[in-house]
Amino acid sequence: MKLLMHICCANCCLYPVQSLLSKNIELNGLWFNPNIHPYTEYQNRLNALKNLQNIWELDIEYLDNYGLKEFIRTVVNNEDNRCAFCYSMRLDESAKIAKKMGLDGFTTTLLVSPYQKFDMIIDIGKEMEKRYSIMFYVEDFRIGWKEGVRISRELGLYRQKYCGCIYSEMERYLKKSVR
């Protein structure tokens, strides 16, 4: 089987890459994360993935699009539903590219994080599966979250402190000030 794996960041791809390769699944990675804010955070995550790509010799395509304006325009006045939009835009693009590449399916590293909305990601992935007639591969990578953290530290990868969008950054700091 050949899959396109949307990669949200280097840290989150560590365990999924190992898990999929252990199943003899061929992987192509895709960086497409126009939601990440600020630009310095976007660059730190992008550079960490390029570093990992070199270390592990991964095959990754980069859609290097800092799309903050588009992201904000879409979620403004609908911030409570921003995650659904964020997952949709990235999985939509992943499905289209996987289909264009003639692969068997697509997946996402978002399925590894205990901080993401796992069921929502699956629902949106299945919606894209129907829309583009290409399989959305589902695996609960969350069991490998701690292993990925360990490997990330071992490799000295940049480790982000929030999901990525301007709203998750705000929530991170608001939670700190409430304590």
Protein backbone atom coordinates (compact mmCIF):
# COMPACT_ATOMS: atom_id res chain seq x y z
CA MET A 1 0.00 0.00 0.00
CA LYS A 2 1.16 3.53 -0.80
CA LEU A 3 -0.06 6.42 1.37
CA LEU A 4 0.30 10.16 1.44
CA MET A 5 0.67 11.27 5.04
CA HIS A 6 -0.21 14.85 5.90
CA ILE A 7 2.40 16.00 8.42
CA CYS A 8 1.44 18.68 10.92
CA CYS A 9 4.92 18.77 12.47
CA ALA A 10 8.09 16.70 12.84
CA ASN A 11 7.24 15.57 16.36
CA CYS A 12 3.83 14.22 15.47
CA CYS A 13 5.12 12.23 12.50
CA LEU A 14 7.72 10.22 14.43
CA TYR A 15 5.52 7.41 15.70
CA PRO A 16 3.16 7.26 12.68
CA VAL A 17 6.11 6.96 10.29
CA GLN A 18 7.57 4.11 12.32
CA SER A 19 4.21 2.38 12.68
CA LEU A 20 3.35 2.58 8.98
CA LEU A 21 6.80 1.54 7.77
CA SER A 22 6.70 -1.46 10.13
CA LYS A 23 3.57 -2.55 8.22
CA ASN A 24 5.45 -2.24 4.90
CA ILE A 25 3.36 0.75 3.88
CA GLU A 26 5.15 3.08 1.48
CA LEU A 27 4.95 6.70 2.58
CA ASN A 28 5.08 10.07 0.95
CA GLY A 29 4.86 12.99 3.35
CA LEU A 30 3.06 16.27 2.78
CA TRP A 31 3.68 19.53 4.63
CA PHE A 32 0.64 21.77 4.31
CA ASN A 33 -0.18 23.83 7.39
CA PRO A 34 -1.35 27.34 6.50
CA ASN A 35 -2.98 27.65 9.94
CA ILE A 36 0.23 27.98 11.97
CA HIS A 37 0.88 31.33 13.65
CA PRO A 38 3.07 33.35 14.03
CA TYR A 39 5.35 33.10 11.03
CA THR A 40 8.34 32.32 13.26
CA GLU A 41 6.44 29.31 14.65
CA TYR A 42 5.58 28.23 11.12
CA GLN A 43 9.27 28.42 10.14
CA ASN A 44 10.44 26.58 13.27
CA ARG A 45 8.08 23.68 12.54
CA LEU A 46 8.95 23.62 8.85
CA ASN A 47 12.69 23.62 9.59
CA ALA A 48 12.29 20.84 12.18
CA LEU A 49 10.54 18.68 9.58
CA LYS A 50 13.24 19.36 6.99
CA ASN A 51 15.82 18.38 9.61
CA LEU A 52 13.97 15.13 10.33
CA GLN A 53 13.60 14.50 6.60
CA ASN A 54 17.39 14.60 6.26
CA ILE A 55 18.00 12.41 9.32
CA TRP A 56 15.46 9.72 8.39
CA GLU A 57 15.66 10.17 4.59
CA LEU A 58 11.93 10.75 4.23
CA ASP A 59 10.12 11.57 1.00
CA ILE A 60 8.22 14.80 1.73
CA GLU A 61 6.51 17.33 -0.50
CA TYR A 62 6.19 20.89 0.79
CA LEU A 63 3.29 23.20 0.06
CA ASP A 64 5.01 26.10 1.72
CA ASN A 65 2.06 28.44 2.11
CA TYR A 66 1.82 30.73 5.10
CA GLY A 67 -1.93 31.21 4.84
CA LEU A 68 -2.76 33.16 7.99
CA LYS A 69 -4.98 35.69 6.17
CA GLU A 70 -7.07 32.99 4.51
CA PHE A 71 -7.32 30.97 7.73
CA ILE A 72 -8.43 33.99 9.79
CA ARG A 73 -10.95 35.12 7.14
CA THR A 74 -12.54 31.69 7.17
CA VAL A 75 -12.83 31.22 10.93
CA VAL A 76 -13.59 34.76 12.07
CA ASN A 77 -16.94 34.83 13.88
CA ASN A 78 -16.84 31.02 13.92
CA GLU A 79 -13.81 30.47 16.16
CA ASP A 80 -15.46 27.67 18.15
CA ASN A 81 -15.59 25.60 14.94
CA ARG A 82 -12.08 26.48 13.79
CA CYS A 83 -10.69 22.97 14.26
CA ALA A 84 -13.20 21.48 11.82
CA PHE A 85 -12.18 24.03 9.20
CA CYS A 86 -8.50 23.52 9.93
CA TYR A 87 -8.71 19.74 9.61
CA SER A 88 -10.90 20.03 6.50
CA MET A 89 -8.59 22.34 4.59
CA ARG A 90 -5.55 20.16 5.25
CA LEU A 91 -7.24 16.81 4.63
CA ASP A 92 -8.96 18.12 1.51
CA GLU A 93 -5.62 19.13 0.04
CA SER A 94 -4.05 15.83 1.11
CA ALA A 95 -6.79 13.77 -0.52
CA LYS A 96 -6.53 15.74 -3.77
CA ILE A 97 -2.77 15.32 -3.92
CA ALA A 98 -2.88 11.60 -3.02
CA LYS A 99 -5.43 11.05 -5.78
CA LYS A 100 -3.35 13.02 -8.28
CA MET A 101 -0.25 10.99 -7.34
CA GLY A 102 -2.13 7.73 -7.92
CA LEU A 103 -1.61 6.51 -4.35
CA ASP A 104 -3.84 4.06 -2.51
CA GLY A 105 -4.85 6.48 0.23
CA PHE A 106 -3.97 9.27 2.60
CA THR A 107 -3.71 9.80 6.35
CA THR A 108 -2.55 12.43 8.81
CA THR A 109 -0.20 12.73 11.74
CA LEU A 110 -2.96 14.65 13.52
CA LEU A 111 -4.18 11.18 14.60
CA VAL A 112 -1.23 10.87 17.02
CA SER A 113 -1.93 13.80 19.32
CA PRO A 114 -4.05 13.36 22.43
CA TYR A 115 -4.76 17.10 22.13
CA GLN A 116 -6.54 16.84 18.77
CA LYS A 117 -10.19 15.97 18.14
CA PHE A 118 -9.65 12.39 17.04
CA ASP A 119 -13.24 11.53 16.06
CA MET A 120 -13.66 14.79 14.17
CA ILE A 121 -10.48 14.11 12.19
CA ILE A 122 -11.77 10.66 11.24
CA ASP A 123 -15.18 12.03 10.22
CA ILE A 124 -13.57 14.69 8.03
CA GLY A 125 -11.09 12.20 6.58
CA LYS A 126 -13.96 9.86 5.65
CA GLU A 127 -15.81 12.80 4.08
CA MET A 128 -12.74 13.51 1.91
CA GLU A 129 -12.50 9.80 1.11
CA LYS A 130 -16.00 9.95 -0.39
CA ARG A 131 -15.43 13.29 -2.09
CA TYR A 132 -12.24 12.20 -3.88
CA SER A 133 -12.76 8.41 -4.04
CA ILE A 134 -9.52 7.66 -2.24
CA MET A 135 -9.14 5.75 1.02
CA PHE A 136 -8.57 7.60 4.27
CA TYR A 137 -6.31 5.36 6.34
CA VAL A 138 -7.24 5.41 10.02
CA GLU A 139 -4.96 4.22 12.78
CA ASP A 140 -5.01 5.27 16.40
CA PHE A 141 -1.44 6.49 16.61
CA ARG A 142 -2.07 7.99 20.05
CA ILE A 143 -0.67 4.85 21.67
CA GLY A 144 2.74 5.99 20.40
CA TRP A 145 2.50 9.59 21.60
CA LYS A 146 4.98 9.16 24.49
CA GLU A 147 7.37 7.21 22.27
CA GLY A 148 7.29 10.07 19.78
CA VAL A 149 8.06 12.58 22.55
CA ARG A 150 11.03 10.46 23.63
CA ILE A 151 12.40 10.21 20.08
CA SER A 152 11.83 13.92 19.51
CA ARG A 153 13.92 14.79 22.56
CA GLU A 154 16.57 12.30 21.55
CA LEU A 155 16.84 13.90 18.10
CA GLY A 156 16.78 17.43 19.53
CA LEU A 157 13.82 18.49 17.37
CA TYR A 158 12.04 21.77 17.93
CA ARG A 159 9.05 21.06 20.20
CA GLN A 160 6.08 23.38 19.86
CA LYS A 161 3.96 24.45 22.83
CA TYR A 162 0.51 24.68 21.20
CA CYS A 163 -1.51 23.27 18.32
CA GLY A 164 -0.57 25.97 15.87
CA CYS A 165 -3.26 28.52 15.15
CA ILE A 166 -3.48 31.98 16.65
CA TYR A 167 -6.44 30.89 18.79
CA SER A 168 -4.65 27.88 20.27
CA GLU A 169 -1.69 30.12 21.05
CA MET A 170 -4.04 32.55 22.81
CA GLU A 171 -5.67 29.73 24.79
CA ARG A 172 -2.27 28.43 25.86
CA TYR A 173 -1.32 31.77 27.40
CA LEU A 174 -4.77 32.40 28.86
CA LYS A 175 -4.60 29.05 30.69
CA LYS A 176 -1.24 30.02 32.15
CA SER A 177 -2.56 33.34 33.45
CA VAL A 178 -5.57 31.63 35.10
CA ARG A 179 -3.36 29.32 37.20
